[in-house]
């Protein structure tokens, strides 16, 4: 099956967010990926299903700028 013909439902795309930055995603039809410009990552879409795991995402370059530093996990106060 050729995954390049897949289309992401625009309503689904509105609901999805990057799991790292919680920012918006853009569907890249040519590469069949959901792109997080904030995280500089592209999440694959396989058989019409977005794979939203950071371990499955591939790093992308965005106009030569460095990826932003992600916030560290907050420490619980006692």
C-alpha atoms as a PDB file:
ATOM      1  CA  UNK A   1       0.000   0.000   0.000  1.00  0.00           C
ATOM      2  CA  UNK A   2       1.343   3.416  -0.948  1.00  0.00           C
ATOM      3  CA  UNK A   3       1.061   5.704   2.092  1.00  0.00           C
ATOM      4  CA  UNK A   4       1.750   8.811   0.027  1.00  0.00           C
ATOM      5  CA  UNK A   5      -1.884   9.055  -1.082  1.00  0.00           C
ATOM      6  CA  UNK A   6      -3.159   9.400   2.479  1.00  0.00           C
ATOM      7  CA  UNK A   7      -4.934  12.536   3.542  1.00  0.00           C
ATOM      8  CA  UNK A   8      -5.382  13.634   7.140  1.00  0.00           C
ATOM      9  CA  UNK A   9      -8.885  14.748   8.078  1.00  0.00           C
ATOM     10  CA  UNK A  10      -8.657  18.507   8.781  1.00  0.00           C
ATOM     11  CA  UNK A  11     -10.857  18.094  11.881  1.00  0.00           C
ATOM     12  CA  UNK A  12      -8.458  15.480  13.271  1.00  0.00           C
ATOM     13  CA  UNK A  13      -5.497  17.721  12.484  1.00  0.00           C
ATOM     14  CA  UNK A  14      -7.099  20.511  14.556  1.00  0.00           C
ATOM     15  CA  UNK A  15      -7.244  18.158  17.561  1.00  0.00           C
ATOM     16  CA  UNK A  16      -3.715  16.784  17.308  1.00  0.00           C
ATOM     17  CA  UNK A  17      -0.730  18.513  18.894  1.00  0.00           C
ATOM     18  CA  UNK A  18       2.961  17.788  19.168  1.00  0.00           C
ATOM     19  CA  UNK A  19       3.427  15.578  22.245  1.00  0.00           C
ATOM     20  CA  UNK A  20       6.600  17.476  23.202  1.00  0.00           C
ATOM     21  CA  UNK A  21       5.694  21.132  22.666  1.00  0.00           C
ATOM     22  CA  UNK A  22       1.879  20.872  22.611  1.00  0.00           C
ATOM     23  CA  UNK A  23       2.122  23.090  19.524  1.00  0.00           C
ATOM     24  CA  UNK A  24       0.244  22.750  16.235  1.00  0.00           C
ATOM     25  CA  UNK A  25       1.070  20.246  13.515  1.00  0.00           C
ATOM     26  CA  UNK A  26       1.092  20.705   9.739  1.00  0.00           C
ATOM     27  CA  UNK A  27       0.447  17.816   7.353  1.00  0.00           C
ATOM     28  CA  UNK A  28       3.228  17.344   4.796  1.00  0.00           C
ATOM     29  CA  UNK A  29       1.504  15.422   2.027  1.00  0.00           C
ATOM     30  CA  UNK A  30       4.713  14.896   0.031  1.00  0.00           C
ATOM     31  CA  UNK A  31       6.416  13.048   2.896  1.00  0.00           C
ATOM     32  CA  UNK A  32       3.207  11.776   4.546  1.00  0.00           C
ATOM     33  CA  UNK A  33       4.186  13.254   7.902  1.00  0.00           C
ATOM     34  CA  UNK A  34       2.826  15.584  10.545  1.00  0.00           C
ATOM     35  CA  UNK A  35       5.357  18.336  11.130  1.00  0.00           C
ATOM     36  CA  UNK A  36       5.929  20.168  14.391  1.00  0.00           C
ATOM     37  CA  UNK A  37       7.752  23.344  13.452  1.00  0.00           C
ATOM     38  CA  UNK A  38       8.303  24.196  17.115  1.00  0.00           C
ATOM     39  CA  UNK A  39      10.016  20.875  17.906  1.00  0.00           C
ATOM     40  CA  UNK A  40      11.622  20.521  14.461  1.00  0.00           C
ATOM     41  CA  UNK A  41      10.218  16.987  14.229  1.00  0.00           C
ATOM     42  CA  UNK A  42       8.192  15.098  11.628  1.00  0.00           C
ATOM     43  CA  UNK A  43       5.863  12.354  12.852  1.00  0.00           C
ATOM     44  CA  UNK A  44       5.102   9.599  10.321  1.00  0.00           C
ATOM     45  CA  UNK A  45       1.601   8.687   9.164  1.00  0.00           C
ATOM     46  CA  UNK A  46       1.297   4.948   8.512  1.00  0.00           C
ATOM     47  CA  UNK A  47      -1.826   3.464   6.939  1.00  0.00           C
ATOM     48  CA  UNK A  48      -3.640   6.702   7.740  1.00  0.00           C
ATOM     49  CA  UNK A  49      -2.665   6.596  11.430  1.00  0.00           C
ATOM     50  CA  UNK A  50      -0.444   9.362  12.843  1.00  0.00           C
ATOM     51  CA  UNK A  51       2.377   7.863  14.916  1.00  0.00           C
ATOM     52  CA  UNK A  52       2.729  10.498  17.620  1.00  0.00           C
ATOM     53  CA  UNK A  53       5.705   8.988  19.437  1.00  0.00           C
ATOM     54  CA  UNK A  54       8.814  11.173  19.735  1.00  0.00           C
ATOM     55  CA  UNK A  55      10.923   8.029  19.307  1.00  0.00           C
ATOM     56  CA  UNK A  56       9.336   7.506  15.863  1.00  0.00           C
ATOM     57  CA  UNK A  57       9.723  11.131  14.727  1.00  0.00           C
ATOM     58  CA  UNK A  58      12.554  12.251  12.516  1.00  0.00           C
ATOM     59  CA  UNK A  59      14.417  15.509  13.107  1.00  0.00           C
ATOM     60  CA  UNK A  60      13.969  18.196  10.471  1.00  0.00           C
ATOM     61  CA  UNK A  61      15.803  21.424   9.759  1.00  0.00           C
ATOM     62  CA  UNK A  62      13.885  24.662   9.571  1.00  0.00           C
ATOM     63  CA  UNK A  63      15.779  27.388   7.706  1.00  0.00           C
ATOM     64  CA  UNK A  64      18.992  26.509   9.484  1.00  0.00           C
ATOM     65  CA  UNK A  65      17.755  27.603  12.887  1.00  0.00           C
ATOM     66  CA  UNK A  66      18.477  25.569  15.968  1.00  0.00           C
ATOM     67  CA  UNK A  67      15.654  23.581  17.559  1.00  0.00           C
ATOM     68  CA  UNK A  68      14.281  25.239  20.669  1.00  0.00           C
ATOM     69  CA  UNK A  69      15.240  23.890  24.057  1.00  0.00           C
ATOM     70  CA  UNK A  70      12.383  21.955  25.578  1.00  0.00           C
ATOM     71  CA  UNK A  71      11.347  22.843  29.106  1.00  0.00           C
ATOM     72  CA  UNK A  72      12.559  20.546  31.849  1.00  0.00           C
ATOM     73  CA  UNK A  73      10.012  18.571  33.819  1.00  0.00           C
ATOM     74  CA  UNK A  74       8.784  20.492  36.839  1.00  0.00           C
ATOM     75  CA  UNK A  75       9.862  19.275  40.237  1.00  0.00           C
ATOM     76  CA  UNK A  76       7.083  18.641  42.720  1.00  0.00           C
ATOM     77  CA  UNK A  77       7.199  20.904  45.742  1.00  0.00           C
ATOM     78  CA  UNK A  78       6.572  19.292  49.103  1.00  0.00           C
END
